[in-house]
PDB file of N, CA and C in Angstrom:
ATOM      1  N   MET A   1     106.543 110.849 102.015  1.00  0.00           N
ATOM      2  CA  MET A   1     105.702 109.626 101.803  1.00  0.00           C
ATOM      3  C   MET A   1     106.638 108.581 101.354  1.00  0.00           C
ATOM      4  N   ARG A   2     106.315 107.522 101.977  1.00  0.00           N
ATOM      5  CA  ARG A   2     107.222 106.034 101.574  1.00  0.00           C
ATOM      6  C   ARG A   2     106.312 105.275 100.701  1.00  0.00           C
ATOM      7  N   PHE A   3     107.024 104.607  99.900  1.00  0.00           N
ATOM      8  CA  PHE A   3     106.419 103.566  98.916  1.00  0.00           C
ATOM      9  C   PHE A   3     107.123 102.354  98.788  1.00  0.00           C
ATOM     10  N   TYR A   4     106.160 101.458  98.656  1.00  0.00           N
ATOM     11  CA  TYR A   4     106.725 100.037  98.516  1.00  0.00           C
ATOM     12  C   TYR A   4     106.462  99.726  97.144  1.00  0.00           C
ATOM     13  N   ILE A   5     107.682  98.931  96.623  1.00  0.00           N
ATOM     14  CA  ILE A   5     107.966  98.764  95.268  1.00  0.00           C
ATOM     15  C   ILE A   5     108.053  97.532  95.086  1.00  0.00           C
ATOM     16  N   THR A   6     107.798  96.869  93.939  1.00  0.00           N
ATOM     17  CA  THR A   6     108.081  95.531  93.708  1.00  0.00           C
ATOM     18  C   THR A   6     108.401  95.899  91.978  1.00  0.00           C
ATOM     19  N   TRP A   7     109.570  94.983  91.862  1.00  0.00           N
ATOM     20  CA  TRP A   7     110.219  95.067  90.328  1.00  0.00           C
ATOM     21  C   TRP A   7     110.708  93.624  89.955  1.00  0.00           C
ATOM     22  N   HIS A   8     110.826  93.598  88.566  1.00  0.00           N
ATOM     23  CA  HIS A   8     111.564  92.549  87.967  1.00  0.00           C
ATOM     24  C   HIS A   8     112.772  92.719  87.168  1.00  0.00           C
ATOM     25  N   ASN A   9     113.784  92.300  86.412  1.00  0.00           N
ATOM     26  CA  ASN A   9     114.449  92.582  85.307  1.00  0.00           C
ATOM     27  C   ASN A   9     113.724  92.401  84.105  1.00  0.00           C
ATOM     28  N   ASP A  10     113.866  93.194  83.234  1.00  0.00           N
ATOM     29  CA  ASP A  10     113.372  92.712  81.947  1.00  0.00           C
ATOM     30  C   ASP A  10     114.569  92.361  80.911  1.00  0.00           C
ATOM     31  N   GLN A  11     114.758  90.875  81.066  1.00  0.00           N
ATOM     32  CA  GLN A  11     115.897  90.267  80.701  1.00  0.00           C
ATOM     33  C   GLN A  11     115.900  90.482  79.036  1.00  0.00           C
ATOM     34  N   THR A  12     114.704  91.213  78.528  1.00  0.00           N
ATOM     35  CA  THR A  12     115.089  91.316  76.637  1.00  0.00           C
ATOM     36  C   THR A  12     115.812  92.568  76.709  1.00  0.00           C
ATOM     37  N   ALA A  13     116.099  93.382  77.875  1.00  0.00           N
ATOM     38  CA  ALA A  13     116.698  94.656  77.437  1.00  0.00           C
ATOM     39  C   ALA A  13     118.152  94.352  77.946  1.00  0.00           C
ATOM     40  N   PHE A  14     118.639  93.391  78.485  1.00  0.00           N
ATOM     41  CA  PHE A  14     119.953  93.411  79.055  1.00  0.00           C
ATOM     42  C   PHE A  14     120.819  92.555  77.655  1.00  0.00           C
ATOM     43  N   PRO A  15     122.116  93.013  77.692  1.00  0.00           N
ATOM     44  CA  PRO A  15     122.779  92.492  76.655  1.00  0.00           C
ATOM     45  C   PRO A  15     123.238  91.020  76.845  1.00  0.00           C
ATOM     46  N   ALA A  16     123.409  90.451  75.693  1.00  0.00           N
ATOM     47  CA  ALA A  16     123.399  89.164  75.432  1.00  0.00           C
ATOM     48  C   ALA A  16     124.911  88.599  76.005  1.00  0.00           C
ATOM     49  N   SER A  17     125.945  89.189  76.132  1.00  0.00           N
ATOM     50  CA  SER A  17     127.046  88.998  76.313  1.00  0.00           C
ATOM     51  C   SER A  17     127.148  88.730  78.020  1.00  0.00           C
ATOM     52  N   ARG A  18     127.673  87.729  78.810  1.00  0.00           N
ATOM     53  CA  ARG A  18     127.883  87.612  80.183  1.00  0.00           C
ATOM     54  C   ARG A  18     128.402  88.754  80.817  1.00  0.00           C
ATOM     55  N   GLU A  19     129.625  88.958  80.271  1.00  0.00           N
ATOM     56  CA  GLU A  19     130.360  90.157  80.877  1.00  0.00           C
ATOM     57  C   GLU A  19     129.608  91.520  80.712  1.00  0.00           C
ATOM     58  N   GLU A  20     128.976  91.553  79.813  1.00  0.00           N
ATOM     59  CA  GLU A  20     128.147  92.913  79.678  1.00  0.00           C
ATOM     60  C   GLU A  20     127.104  93.010  80.626  1.00  0.00           C
ATOM     61  N   ARG A  21     126.113  91.962  80.617  1.00  0.00           N
ATOM     62  CA  ARG A  21     125.554  91.639  81.661  1.00  0.00           C
ATOM     63  C   ARG A  21     125.712  91.727  83.203  1.00  0.00           C
ATOM     64  N   ALA A  22     126.713  91.386  83.233  1.00  0.00           N
ATOM     65  CA  ALA A  22     127.391  91.670  84.752  1.00  0.00           C
ATOM     66  C   ALA A  22     127.778  92.826  84.894  1.00  0.00           C
ATOM     67  N   LYS A  23     128.377  93.441  84.022  1.00  0.00           N
ATOM     68  CA  LYS A  23     128.644  94.943  84.186  1.00  0.00           C
ATOM     69  C   LYS A  23     127.334  96.127  84.371  1.00  0.00           C
ATOM     70  N   LEU A  24     126.513  95.776  83.476  1.00  0.00           N
ATOM     71  CA  LEU A  24     125.032  96.574  83.541  1.00  0.00           C
ATOM     72  C   LEU A  24     124.601  96.055  85.206  1.00  0.00           C
ATOM     73  N   GLY A  25     124.602  94.910  85.578  1.00  0.00           N
ATOM     74  CA  GLY A  25     123.866  94.468  86.657  1.00  0.00           C
ATOM     75  C   GLY A  25     124.550  95.419  88.071  1.00  0.00           C
ATOM     76  N   VAL A  26     126.184  95.197  87.671  1.00  0.00           N
ATOM     77  CA  VAL A  26     126.674  96.086  89.080  1.00  0.00           C
ATOM     78  C   VAL A  26     126.184  97.626  88.889  1.00  0.00           C
ATOM     79  N   SER A  27     126.287  98.091  87.689  1.00  0.00           N
ATOM     80  CA  SER A  27     126.231  99.264  87.586  1.00  0.00           C
ATOM     81  C   SER A  27     124.635  99.926  87.982  1.00  0.00           C
ATOM     82  N   LEU A  28     123.655  99.192  87.947  1.00  0.00           N
ATOM     83  CA  LEU A  28     122.042  99.089  88.378  1.00  0.00           C
ATOM     84  C   LEU A  28     122.297  99.176  90.188  1.00  0.00           C
ATOM     85  N   VAL A  29     123.005  98.185  90.694  1.00  0.00           N
ATOM     86  CA  VAL A  29     123.071  98.034  91.624  1.00  0.00           C
ATOM     87  C   VAL A  29     123.660  99.337  92.405  1.00  0.00           C
ATOM     88  N   GLU A  30     124.828  99.692  91.962  1.00  0.00           N
ATOM     89  CA  GLU A  30     125.322 100.779  92.269  1.00  0.00           C
ATOM     90  C   GLU A  30     124.568 102.076  92.409  1.00  0.00           C
ATOM     91  N   MET A  31     123.678 102.322  91.431  1.00  0.00           N
ATOM     92  CA  MET A  31     122.607 103.309  91.634  1.00  0.00           C
ATOM     93  C   MET A  31     121.768 103.241  92.681  1.00  0.00           C
ATOM     94  N   VAL A  32     121.262 102.018  93.111  1.00  0.00           N
ATOM     95  CA  VAL A  32     120.589 101.783  94.100  1.00  0.00           C
ATOM     96  C   VAL A  32     121.270 102.075  95.484  1.00  0.00           C
ATOM     97  N   LYS A  33     122.528 101.668  95.554  1.00  0.00           N
ATOM     98  CA  LYS A  33     123.483 102.076  96.609  1.00  0.00           C
ATOM     99  C   LYS A  33     123.514 103.801  96.861  1.00  0.00           C
ATOM    100  N   ALA A  34     123.739 104.364  95.739  1.00  0.00           N
ATOM    101  CA  ALA A  34     123.720 106.006  95.750  1.00  0.00           C
ATOM    102  C   ALA A  34     122.244 106.132  96.276  1.00  0.00           C
ATOM    103  N   ASP A  35     121.409 105.730  95.693  1.00  0.00           N
ATOM    104  CA  ASP A  35     119.989 106.452  96.090  1.00  0.00           C
ATOM    105  C   ASP A  35     119.498 105.897  97.729  1.00  0.00           C
ATOM    106  N   MET A  36     120.396 105.022  98.298  1.00  0.00           N
ATOM    107  CA  MET A  36     120.043 104.541  99.572  1.00  0.00           C
ATOM    108  C   MET A  36     121.448 105.700 100.497  1.00  0.00           C
ATOM    109  N   LYS A  37     122.156 106.171  99.816  1.00  0.00           N
ATOM    110  CA  LYS A  37     123.400 106.817 100.645  1.00  0.00           C
ATOM    111  C   LYS A  37     122.681 108.442 100.822  1.00  0.00           C
ATOM    112  N   ALA A  38     121.611 108.658  99.707  1.00  0.00           N
ATOM    113  CA  ALA A  38     121.141 109.968  99.574  1.00  0.00           C
ATOM    114  C   ALA A  38     119.844 109.854 100.312  1.00  0.00           C
ATOM    115  N   GLY A  39     119.390 108.721 100.940  1.00  0.00           N
ATOM    116  CA  GLY A  39     118.361 108.377 101.640  1.00  0.00           C
ATOM    117  C   GLY A  39     116.971 108.479 101.235  1.00  0.00           C
ATOM    118  N   MET A  40     116.972 108.298  99.985  1.00  0.00           N
ATOM    119  CA  MET A  40     115.651 108.128  98.860  1.00  0.00           C
ATOM    120  C   MET A  40     115.225 106.820  99.047  1.00  0.00           C
ATOM    121  N   THR A  41     116.367 105.727  98.924  1.00  0.00           N
ATOM    122  CA  THR A  41     115.968 104.253  99.315  1.00  0.00           C
ATOM    123  C   THR A  41     116.181 103.703 100.615  1.00  0.00           C
ATOM    124  N   LYS A  42     115.208 103.340 101.170  1.00  0.00           N
ATOM    125  CA  LYS A  42     115.127 103.055 102.801  1.00  0.00           C
ATOM    126  C   LYS A  42     115.508 101.519 103.112  1.00  0.00           C
ATOM    127  N   ASP A  43     115.224 101.008 101.982  1.00  0.00           N
ATOM    128  CA  ASP A  43     115.354  99.419 101.987  1.00  0.00           C
ATOM    129  C   ASP A  43     115.308  99.012 100.906  1.00  0.00           C
ATOM    130  N   TRP A  44     116.064  97.799 100.062  1.00  0.00           N
ATOM    131  CA  TRP A  44     116.014  97.358  98.904  1.00  0.00           C
ATOM    132  C   TRP A  44     116.518  95.691  99.223  1.00  0.00           C
ATOM    133  N   GLY A  45     115.856  94.895  98.104  1.00  0.00           N
ATOM    134  CA  GLY A  45     116.431  93.538  98.311  1.00  0.00           C
ATOM    135  C   GLY A  45     115.988  92.811  96.870  1.00  0.00           C
ATOM    136  N   ALA A  46     116.904  92.022  96.434  1.00  0.00           N
ATOM    137  CA  ALA A  46     116.763  91.105  95.384  1.00  0.00           C
ATOM    138  C   ALA A  46     116.441  89.985  95.908  1.00  0.00           C
ATOM    139  N   SER A  47     115.714  88.923  94.826  1.00  0.00           N
ATOM    140  CA  SER A  47     115.345  87.512  95.417  1.00  0.00           C
ATOM    141  C   SER A  47     116.549  86.997  94.954  1.00  0.00           C
ATOM    142  N   ALA A  48     116.673  85.608  95.707  1.00  0.00           N
ATOM    143  CA  ALA A  48     117.593  84.665  95.299  1.00  0.00           C
ATOM    144  C   ALA A  48     117.603  84.341  93.937  1.00  0.00           C
ATOM    145  N   SER A  49     116.979  84.400  93.217  1.00  0.00           N
ATOM    146  CA  SER A  49     116.523  83.755  91.764  1.00  0.00           C
ATOM    147  C   SER A  49     117.287  85.088  91.137  1.00  0.00           C
ATOM    148  N   GLY A  50     117.322  86.359  91.273  1.00  0.00           N
ATOM    149  CA  GLY A  50     118.274  87.304  90.860  1.00  0.00           C
ATOM    150  C   GLY A  50     117.005  87.990  89.850  1.00  0.00           C
ATOM    151  N   ARG A  51     115.829  87.500  89.845  1.00  0.00           N
ATOM    152  CA  ARG A  51     114.841  88.144  88.772  1.00  0.00           C
ATOM    153  C   ARG A  51     114.246  89.272  88.760  1.00  0.00           C
ATOM    154  N   GLY A  52     114.067  89.383  90.343  1.00  0.00           N
ATOM    155  CA  GLY A  52     113.250  90.810  90.725  1.00  0.00           C
ATOM    156  C   GLY A  52     113.649  91.239  92.266  1.00  0.00           C
ATOM    157  N   GLY A  53     113.026  91.676  93.005  1.00  0.00           N
ATOM    158  CA  GLY A  53     112.758  92.256  94.226  1.00  0.00           C
ATOM    159  C   GLY A  53     111.540  93.277  94.795  1.00  0.00           C
ATOM    160  N   TYR A  54     112.077  93.987  95.782  1.00  0.00           N
ATOM    161  CA  TYR A  54     111.385  94.953  96.258  1.00  0.00           C
ATOM    162  C   TYR A  54     112.260  96.056  96.990  1.00  0.00           C
ATOM    163  N   ALA A  55     111.588  97.162  97.161  1.00  0.00           N
ATOM    164  CA  ALA A  55     112.230  98.535  97.554  1.00  0.00           C
ATOM    165  C   ALA A  55     111.454  99.340  98.427  1.00  0.00           C
ATOM    166  N   ILE A  56     111.834 100.015  99.416  1.00  0.00           N
ATOM    167  CA  ILE A  56     111.131 100.968 100.302  1.00  0.00           C
ATOM    168  C   ILE A  56     111.602 102.166 100.011  1.00  0.00           C
ATOM    169  N   TYR A  57     110.574 103.236  99.206  1.00  0.00           N
ATOM    170  CA  TYR A  57     111.340 104.510  98.765  1.00  0.00           C
ATOM    171  C   TYR A  57     110.804 105.738  99.546  1.00  0.00           C
ATOM    172  N   GLU A  58     111.436 106.749  99.555  1.00  0.00           N
ATOM    173  CA  GLU A  58     110.795 107.833 100.036  1.00  0.00           C
ATOM    174  C   GLU A  58     110.821 108.861  99.310  1.00  0.00           C
ATOM    175  N   ALA A  59     109.635 109.646  98.923  1.00  0.00           N
ATOM    176  CA  ALA A  59     109.605 110.854  98.088  1.00  0.00           C
ATOM    177  C   ALA A  59     108.545 111.495  98.505  1.00  0.00           C
ATOM    178  N   THR A  60     108.303 113.019  98.099  1.00  0.00           N
ATOM    179  CA  THR A  60     107.456 113.674  98.444  1.00  0.00           C
ATOM    180  C   THR A  60     106.202 113.913  97.656  1.00  0.00           C
ATOM    181  N   SER A  61     105.957 113.025  96.769  1.00  0.00           N
ATOM    182  CA  SER A  61     104.920 112.648  95.709  1.00  0.00           C
ATOM    183  C   SER A  61     105.033 111.624  94.916  1.00  0.00           C
ATOM    184  N   GLU A  62     103.751 111.207  94.342  1.00  0.00           N
ATOM    185  CA  GLU A  62     103.812 110.156  93.424  1.00  0.00           C
ATOM    186  C   GLU A  62     104.795 110.559  92.273  1.00  0.00           C
ATOM    187  N   THR A  63     104.547 111.661  91.680  1.00  0.00           N
ATOM    188  CA  THR A  63     105.587 112.322  90.590  1.00  0.00           C
ATOM    189  C   THR A  63     106.744 112.210  90.971  1.00  0.00           C
ATOM    190  N   ALA A  64     107.426 112.687  92.082  1.00  0.00           N
ATOM    191  CA  ALA A  64     108.692 112.445  92.452  1.00  0.00           C
ATOM    192  C   ALA A  64     109.345 111.079  92.257  1.00  0.00           C
ATOM    193  N   ILE A  65     108.367 109.820  92.971  1.00  0.00           N
ATOM    194  CA  ILE A  65     108.668 108.719  92.822  1.00  0.00           C
ATOM    195  C   ILE A  65     108.918 108.363  91.481  1.00  0.00           C
ATOM    196  N   GLY A  66     108.119 108.577  90.474  1.00  0.00           N
ATOM    197  CA  GLY A  66     108.078 108.371  89.065  1.00  0.00           C
ATOM    198  C   GLY A  66     109.047 108.837  88.547  1.00  0.00           C
ATOM    199  N   GLU A  67     109.436 109.906  88.863  1.00  0.00           N
ATOM    200  CA  GLU A  67     110.731 110.535  88.135  1.00  0.00           C
ATOM    201  C   GLU A  67     112.120 110.179  88.313  1.00  0.00           C
ATOM    202  N   ALA A  68     112.162 109.693  90.204  1.00  0.00           N
ATOM    203  CA  ALA A  68     113.416 108.955  90.495  1.00  0.00           C
ATOM    204  C   ALA A  68     113.534 107.424  90.047  1.00  0.00           C
ATOM    205  N   LEU A  69     112.521 106.649  89.647  1.00  0.00           N
ATOM    206  CA  LEU A  69     112.619 105.477  89.071  1.00  0.00           C
ATOM    207  C   LEU A  69     112.830 105.569  87.382  1.00  0.00           C
ATOM    208  N   GLN A  70     112.833 106.633  86.995  1.00  0.00           N
ATOM    209  CA  GLN A  70     112.991 106.589  85.410  1.00  0.00           C
ATOM    210  C   GLN A  70     114.292 106.213  84.932  1.00  0.00           C
ATOM    211  N   LYS A  71     115.365 106.368  85.774  1.00  0.00           N
ATOM    212  CA  LYS A  71     116.834 105.966  85.276  1.00  0.00           C
ATOM    213  C   LYS A  71     117.059 104.610  85.400  1.00  0.00           C
ATOM    214  N   TYR A  72     116.074 103.798  85.899  1.00  0.00           N
ATOM    215  CA  TYR A  72     116.158 102.135  86.257  1.00  0.00           C
ATOM    216  C   TYR A  72     115.528 101.846  84.979  1.00  0.00           C
ATOM    217  N   ARG A  73     115.050 102.137  84.001  1.00  0.00           N
ATOM    218  CA  ARG A  73     114.501 101.956  82.708  1.00  0.00           C
ATOM    219  C   ARG A  73     115.030 101.762  81.747  1.00  0.00           C
ATOM    220  N   PRO A  74     115.328 101.002  80.772  1.00  0.00           N
ATOM    221  CA  PRO A  74     114.174  99.678  80.669  1.00  0.00           C
ATOM    222  C   PRO A  74     114.772  98.618  80.978  1.00  0.00           C
ATOM    223  N   TYR A  75     115.797  98.610  81.842  1.00  0.00           N
ATOM    224  CA  TYR A  75     116.185  97.434  82.364  1.00  0.00           C
ATOM    225  C   TYR A  75     115.238  96.821  83.600  1.00  0.00           C
ATOM    226  N   ILE A  76     114.609  97.796  84.123  1.00  0.00           N
ATOM    227  CA  ILE A  76     114.001  97.094  85.265  1.00  0.00           C
ATOM    228  C   ILE A  76     112.404  97.613  85.000  1.00  0.00           C
ATOM    229  N   VAL A  77     111.644  96.578  85.446  1.00  0.00           N
ATOM    230  CA  VAL A  77     110.264  97.117  85.370  1.00  0.00           C
ATOM    231  C   VAL A  77     109.543  96.812  86.716  1.00  0.00           C
ATOM    232  N   PHE A  78     108.603  97.971  87.072  1.00  0.00           N
ATOM    233  CA  PHE A  78     108.412  98.281  88.192  1.00  0.00           C
ATOM    234  C   PHE A  78     107.006  97.419  88.390  1.00  0.00           C
ATOM    235  N   ASP A  79     106.724  96.686  88.865  1.00  0.00           N
ATOM    236  CA  ASP A  79     105.177  95.893  89.077  1.00  0.00           C
ATOM    237  C   ASP A  79     104.327  96.679  89.768  1.00  0.00           C
ATOM    238  N   SER A  80     104.866  96.977  90.988  1.00  0.00           N
ATOM    239  CA  SER A  80     103.668  97.865  91.815  1.00  0.00           C
ATOM    240  C   SER A  80     104.647  99.121  92.544  1.00  0.00           C
ATOM    241  N   VAL A  81     104.124 100.055  92.677  1.00  0.00           N
ATOM    242  CA  VAL A  81     104.351 101.172  93.511  1.00  0.00           C
ATOM    243  C   VAL A  81     103.351 101.660  94.201  1.00  0.00           C
ATOM    244  N   GLU A  82     103.465 101.371  95.395  1.00  0.00           N
ATOM    245  CA  GLU A  82     102.366 101.371  96.245  1.00  0.00           C
ATOM    246  C   GLU A  82     102.469 102.584  97.476  1.00  0.00           C
ATOM    247  N   PRO A  83     101.917 103.413  97.724  1.00  0.00           N
ATOM    248  CA  PRO A  83     102.042 104.274  99.003  1.00  0.00           C
ATOM    249  C   PRO A  83     101.850 103.543 100.154  1.00  0.00           C
ATOM    250  N   ILE A  84     102.680 103.635 101.240  1.00  0.00           N
ATOM    251  CA  ILE A  84     102.672 102.836 102.607  1.00  0.00           C
ATOM    252  C   ILE A  84     102.020 103.727 103.610  1.00  0.00           C
ATOM    253  N   ILE A  85     101.330 103.275 104.235  1.00  0.00           N
ATOM    254  CA  ILE A  85     100.665 104.026 105.578  1.00  0.00           C
ATOM    255  C   ILE A  85     101.278 103.181 106.677  1.00  0.00           C
ATOM    256  N   THR A  86     101.843 103.674 107.875  1.00  0.00           N
ATOM    257  CA  THR A  86     102.172 103.304 109.012  1.00  0.00           C
ATOM    258  C   THR A  86     101.230 102.505 109.985  1.00  0.00           C
ATOM    259  N   ALA A  87     101.467 102.153 110.948  1.00  0.00           N
ATOM    260  CA  ALA A  87     100.594 101.383 111.966  1.00  0.00           C
ATOM    261  C   ALA A  87      99.946 102.423 112.373  1.00  0.00           C
ATOM    262  N   ASP A  88     100.560 103.666 112.915  1.00  0.00           N
ATOM    263  CA  ASP A  88      99.897 104.816 113.570  1.00  0.00           C
ATOM    264  C   ASP A  88      98.838 105.210 112.789  1.00  0.00           C
ATOM    265  N   GLN A  89      98.899 105.413 111.428  1.00  0.00           N
ATOM    266  CA  GLN A  89      97.996 105.935 110.606  1.00  0.00           C
ATOM    267  C   GLN A  89      96.852 104.954 110.144  1.00  0.00           C
ATOM    268  N   ILE A  90      96.848 103.649 110.559  1.00  0.00           N
ATOM    269  CA  ILE A  90      95.924 102.444 110.374  1.00  0.00           C
ATOM    270  C   ILE A  90      94.997 102.823 111.514  1.00  0.00           C
ATOM    271  N   ILE A  91      95.789 102.787 112.516  1.00  0.00           N
ATOM    272  CA  ILE A  91      94.762 102.823 113.910  1.00  0.00           C
ATOM    273  C   ILE A  91      94.181 103.902 113.966  1.00  0.00           C
ATOM    274  N   GLU A  92      94.631 105.356 113.552  1.00  0.00           N
ATOM    275  CA  GLU A  92      94.016 106.576 113.393  1.00  0.00           C
ATOM    276  C   GLU A  92      92.884 106.414 112.298  1.00  0.00           C
ATOM    277  N   SER A  93      92.976 105.828 111.491  1.00  0.00           N
ATOM    278  CA  SER A  93      91.846 105.543 110.246  1.00  0.00           C
ATOM    279  C   SER A  93      90.911 104.516 110.988  1.00  0.00           C
ATOM    280  N   PHE A  94      91.012 103.663 111.635  1.00  0.00           N
ATOM    281  CA  PHE A  94      90.195 102.687 112.235  1.00  0.00           C
ATOM    282  C   PHE A  94      89.097 103.553 113.302  1.00  0.00           C
ATOM    283  N   LYS A  95      90.001 104.174 114.134  1.00  0.00           N
ATOM    284  CA  LYS A  95      89.366 105.199 115.093  1.00  0.00           C
ATOM    285  C   LYS A  95      88.130 106.213 114.503  1.00  0.00           C
ATOM    286  N   ARG A  96      88.906 106.764 113.393  1.00  0.00           N
ATOM    287  CA  ARG A  96      87.751 107.687 112.958  1.00  0.00           C
ATOM    288  C   ARG A  96      86.730 107.188 112.218  1.00  0.00           C
ATOM    289  N   ALA A  97      86.919 105.774 111.763  1.00  0.00           N
ATOM    290  CA  ALA A  97      85.729 104.995 110.841  1.00  0.00           C
ATOM    291  C   ALA A  97      85.078 104.497 112.000  1.00  0.00           C
ATOM    292  N   THR A  98      85.081 104.368 113.296  1.00  0.00           N
ATOM    293  CA  THR A  98      84.278 104.002 114.185  1.00  0.00           C
ATOM    294  C   THR A  98      83.906 105.004 115.324  1.00  0.00           C
ATOM    295  N   ALA A  99      84.629 106.155 115.075  1.00  0.00           N
ATOM    296  CA  ALA A  99      83.903 107.188 116.145  1.00  0.00           C
ATOM    297  C   ALA A  99      82.249 107.494 115.955  1.00  0.00           C
ATOM    298  N   LYS A 100      81.741 107.951 117.085  1.00  0.00           N
ATOM    299  CA  LYS A 100      80.470 108.320 116.758  1.00  0.00           C
ATOM    300  C   LYS A 100      80.326 109.797 116.314  1.00  0.00           C
ATOM    301  N   LYS A 101      79.281 109.781 115.546  1.00  0.00           N
ATOM    302  CA  LYS A 101      79.195 111.224 114.906  1.00  0.00           C
ATOM    303  C   LYS A 101      78.161 111.809 115.105  1.00  0.00           C
TER     304      LYS A 101
END
């Protein structure tokens, strides 16, 4: 299953020091890169504002994605975690919905 995720930084969880904030930020993005190398994260991007972004994750279940995202908390808040349906799945759904019974 693939999931579309939107997220934002919880600024209250970040350290006050600029150096410590930068160190933590690099650490979080390195974790994303590790997930990409492992094949779990298929796409990831941050907004130019640096406040949030999106990710496409692949997991076997909703439980598995929830567990995988735990390592980013409390610094990252996940606004939505939505299963993705492919174009072919949507076409098949429309065909089933309009098929004669």
